[in-house]
Amino acid sequence: MERPPSLVCYEQNKDTRFFVCRHCKTHLSLYSEMLYRYPTSHVAIFGSMVNVDLLSDKHPIAPGETSAAAFCINCESQVGYKFIALRIETYALKTGRFMFRAALLEREPYGLCG
């Protein structure tokens, strides 16, 4: 499998922990970017992600609130959403942050770049 030319790869050493796409092992986020994990819904909020592409169609969450679907740029699997507009922001939920289902991510020492 040939990787996309713009693929971001994290430095791989014993001190760097990151999440990868469960389907293709592409690097998606550093472990330190996970801001909150909802224990009952298996959803995590991240401050930033790499190697994702956003769907141009925006999805309404509630009146005045929208999100865009986020896809892995390597295998094109949907891995979560990015908050585009929120009426009320909380500690975890802020415009520009990402929400990912934990089932679509793996915490690995290595990934596609390894």
C-alpha atoms as a PDB file:
ATOM      1  CA  MET A   1       0.000   0.000   0.000  1.00  0.00           C
ATOM      2  CA  GLU A   2       1.474   3.332  -1.005  1.00  0.00           C
ATOM      3  CA  ARG A   3       0.978   6.116   1.504  1.00  0.00           C
ATOM      4  CA  PRO A   4      -0.265   9.574   0.510  1.00  0.00           C
ATOM      5  CA  PRO A   5       2.592  12.076  -0.058  1.00  0.00           C
ATOM      6  CA  SER A   6       1.335  14.488   2.609  1.00  0.00           C
ATOM      7  CA  LEU A   7       1.038  11.899   5.388  1.00  0.00           C
ATOM      8  CA  VAL A   8       2.154  13.234   8.795  1.00  0.00           C
ATOM      9  CA  CYS A   9       4.159  10.743  10.867  1.00  0.00           C
ATOM     10  CA  TYR A  10       5.008  11.128  14.540  1.00  0.00           C
ATOM     11  CA  GLU A  11       8.485  10.376  15.834  1.00  0.00           C
ATOM     12  CA  GLN A  12       8.496   6.780  16.942  1.00  0.00           C
ATOM     13  CA  ASN A  13      10.279   6.206  20.214  1.00  0.00           C
ATOM     14  CA  LYS A  14       9.458   4.836  23.651  1.00  0.00           C
ATOM     15  CA  ASP A  15       8.304   8.253  24.915  1.00  0.00           C
ATOM     16  CA  THR A  16       5.895   9.110  22.083  1.00  0.00           C
ATOM     17  CA  ARG A  17       2.396   7.665  22.369  1.00  0.00           C
ATOM     18  CA  PHE A  18      -0.200   8.236  19.688  1.00  0.00           C
ATOM     19  CA  PHE A  19      -3.450   6.985  18.217  1.00  0.00           C
ATOM     20  CA  VAL A  20      -3.728   5.373  14.790  1.00  0.00           C
ATOM     21  CA  CYS A  21      -6.595   4.485  12.471  1.00  0.00           C
ATOM     22  CA  ARG A  22      -7.827   1.007  13.366  1.00  0.00           C
ATOM     23  CA  HIS A  23      -8.215   0.106   9.685  1.00  0.00           C
ATOM     24  CA  CYS A  24      -4.866   1.167   8.166  1.00  0.00           C
ATOM     25  CA  LYS A  25      -2.631   2.250  11.119  1.00  0.00           C
ATOM     26  CA  THR A  26      -2.198   5.821   9.862  1.00  0.00           C
ATOM     27  CA  HIS A  27      -1.149   8.241  12.635  1.00  0.00           C
ATOM     28  CA  LEU A  28      -4.083  10.416  13.765  1.00  0.00           C
ATOM     29  CA  SER A  29      -3.237  12.134  17.039  1.00  0.00           C
ATOM     30  CA  LEU A  30      -0.775  12.273  19.892  1.00  0.00           C
ATOM     31  CA  TYR A  31      -2.025  10.762  23.124  1.00  0.00           C
ATOM     32  CA  SER A  32      -1.524  14.157  24.788  1.00  0.00           C
ATOM     33  CA  GLU A  33      -4.116  15.711  22.410  1.00  0.00           C
ATOM     34  CA  MET A  34      -6.919  13.631  23.947  1.00  0.00           C
ATOM     35  CA  LEU A  35      -8.657  16.150  26.200  1.00  0.00           C
ATOM     36  CA  TYR A  36     -11.567  14.094  27.463  1.00  0.00           C
ATOM     37  CA  ARG A  37     -12.993  10.595  27.141  1.00  0.00           C
ATOM     38  CA  TYR A  38     -16.641   9.935  27.872  1.00  0.00           C
ATOM     39  CA  PRO A  39     -16.637   6.629  29.795  1.00  0.00           C
ATOM     40  CA  THR A  40     -20.211   5.605  28.989  1.00  0.00           C
ATOM     41  CA  SER A  41     -20.330   6.478  25.292  1.00  0.00           C
ATOM     42  CA  HIS A  42     -16.790   5.450  24.243  1.00  0.00           C
ATOM     43  CA  VAL A  43     -16.244   8.841  22.618  1.00  0.00           C
ATOM     44  CA  ALA A  44     -13.100  10.948  23.010  1.00  0.00           C
ATOM     45  CA  ILE A  45     -12.499  14.661  22.396  1.00  0.00           C
ATOM     46  CA  PHE A  46      -9.199  15.719  20.806  1.00  0.00           C
ATOM     47  CA  GLY A  47      -7.677  19.179  20.469  1.00  0.00           C
ATOM     48  CA  SER A  48      -6.112  18.415  17.103  1.00  0.00           C
ATOM     49  CA  MET A  49      -5.777  15.589  14.615  1.00  0.00           C
ATOM     50  CA  VAL A  50      -3.521  14.893  11.630  1.00  0.00           C
ATOM     51  CA  ASN A  51      -4.087  12.878   8.468  1.00  0.00           C
ATOM     52  CA  VAL A  52      -7.820  13.555   8.376  1.00  0.00           C
ATOM     53  CA  ASP A  53      -9.930  15.138   5.668  1.00  0.00           C
ATOM     54  CA  LEU A  54     -13.235  16.864   6.390  1.00  0.00           C
ATOM     55  CA  LEU A  55     -16.388  16.281   4.405  1.00  0.00           C
ATOM     56  CA  SER A  56     -17.495  19.551   2.836  1.00  0.00           C
ATOM     57  CA  ASP A  57     -21.133  18.925   3.831  1.00  0.00           C
ATOM     58  CA  LYS A  58     -21.858  20.181   7.320  1.00  0.00           C
ATOM     59  CA  HIS A  59     -24.183  18.220   9.603  1.00  0.00           C
ATOM     60  CA  PRO A  60     -26.524  20.017  12.010  1.00  0.00           C
ATOM     61  CA  ILE A  61     -26.167  18.775  15.576  1.00  0.00           C
ATOM     62  CA  ALA A  62     -28.792  21.083  17.062  1.00  0.00           C
ATOM     63  CA  PRO A  63     -30.135  24.520  16.073  1.00  0.00           C
ATOM     64  CA  GLY A  64     -27.080  26.756  15.496  1.00  0.00           C
ATOM     65  CA  GLU A  65     -24.587  23.896  15.910  1.00  0.00           C
ATOM     66  CA  THR A  66     -22.806  22.037  13.115  1.00  0.00           C
ATOM     67  CA  SER A  67     -20.117  19.424  12.602  1.00  0.00           C
ATOM     68  CA  ALA A  68     -18.251  17.934   9.646  1.00  0.00           C
ATOM     69  CA  ALA A  69     -17.434  14.245   9.207  1.00  0.00           C
ATOM     70  CA  ALA A  70     -13.700  13.462   9.462  1.00  0.00           C
ATOM     71  CA  PHE A  71     -12.090  10.720   7.360  1.00  0.00           C
ATOM     72  CA  CYS A  72      -8.672   9.065   7.434  1.00  0.00           C
ATOM     73  CA  ILE A  73      -6.781  10.388   4.397  1.00  0.00           C
ATOM     74  CA  ASN A  74      -5.157   7.008   3.784  1.00  0.00           C
ATOM     75  CA  CYS A  75      -8.048   4.492   3.838  1.00  0.00           C
ATOM     76  CA  GLU A  76     -10.963   6.983   3.729  1.00  0.00           C
ATOM     77  CA  SER A  77     -12.682   5.420   6.770  1.00  0.00           C
ATOM     78  CA  GLN A  78     -14.837   7.800   8.765  1.00  0.00           C
ATOM     79  CA  VAL A  79     -13.179   8.173  12.150  1.00  0.00           C
ATOM     80  CA  GLY A  80     -15.178  10.987  13.732  1.00  0.00           C
ATOM     81  CA  TYR A  81     -16.348  14.592  13.487  1.00  0.00           C
ATOM     82  CA  LYS A  82     -14.992  18.121  13.831  1.00  0.00           C
ATOM     83  CA  PHE A  83     -17.114  20.735  15.596  1.00  0.00           C
ATOM     84  CA  ILE A  84     -17.629  23.645  13.190  1.00  0.00           C
ATOM     85  CA  ALA A  85     -20.043  25.777  15.228  1.00  0.00           C
ATOM     86  CA  LEU A  86     -21.298  25.409  18.797  1.00  0.00           C
ATOM     87  CA  ARG A  87     -23.732  27.739  20.560  1.00  0.00           C
ATOM     88  CA  ILE A  88     -22.440  26.854  24.026  1.00  0.00           C
ATOM     89  CA  GLU A  89     -18.908  25.662  24.625  1.00  0.00           C
ATOM     90  CA  THR A  90     -17.821  23.582  27.614  1.00  0.00           C
ATOM     91  CA  TYR A  91     -14.455  22.474  28.935  1.00  0.00           C
ATOM     92  CA  ALA A  92     -14.356  19.577  26.471  1.00  0.00           C
ATOM     93  CA  LEU A  93     -16.632  20.740  23.659  1.00  0.00           C
ATOM     94  CA  LYS A  94     -15.269  23.723  21.754  1.00  0.00           C
ATOM     95  CA  THR A  95     -15.438  24.852  18.146  1.00  0.00           C
ATOM     96  CA  GLY A  96     -12.548  23.365  16.164  1.00  0.00           C
ATOM     97  CA  ARG A  97     -12.114  20.261  18.312  1.00  0.00           C
ATOM     98  CA  PHE A  98     -12.605  16.690  17.141  1.00  0.00           C
ATOM     99  CA  MET A  99     -14.874  13.960  18.474  1.00  0.00           C
ATOM    100  CA  PHE A 100     -13.814  10.408  17.674  1.00  0.00           C
ATOM    101  CA  ARG A 101     -15.299   7.043  18.557  1.00  0.00           C
ATOM    102  CA  ALA A 102     -12.712   5.114  20.521  1.00  0.00           C
ATOM    103  CA  ALA A 103     -13.608   1.925  18.604  1.00  0.00           C
ATOM    104  CA  LEU A 104     -12.130   3.485  15.442  1.00  0.00           C
ATOM    105  CA  LEU A 105      -8.766   4.332  17.039  1.00  0.00           C
ATOM    106  CA  GLU A 106      -5.936   2.244  18.441  1.00  0.00           C
ATOM    107  CA  ARG A 107      -3.213   3.340  20.811  1.00  0.00           C
ATOM    108  CA  GLU A 108      -0.029   1.994  19.262  1.00  0.00           C
ATOM    109  CA  PRO A 109       3.701   2.547  19.531  1.00  0.00           C
ATOM    110  CA  TYR A 110       3.996   2.184  15.758  1.00  0.00           C
ATOM    111  CA  GLY A 111       1.836   2.772  12.745  1.00  0.00           C
ATOM    112  CA  LEU A 112       1.973   3.045   8.989  1.00  0.00           C
ATOM    113  CA  CYS A 113       5.202   5.059   9.153  1.00  0.00           C
ATOM    114  CA  GLY A 114       7.037   2.366  11.113  1.00  0.00           C
END
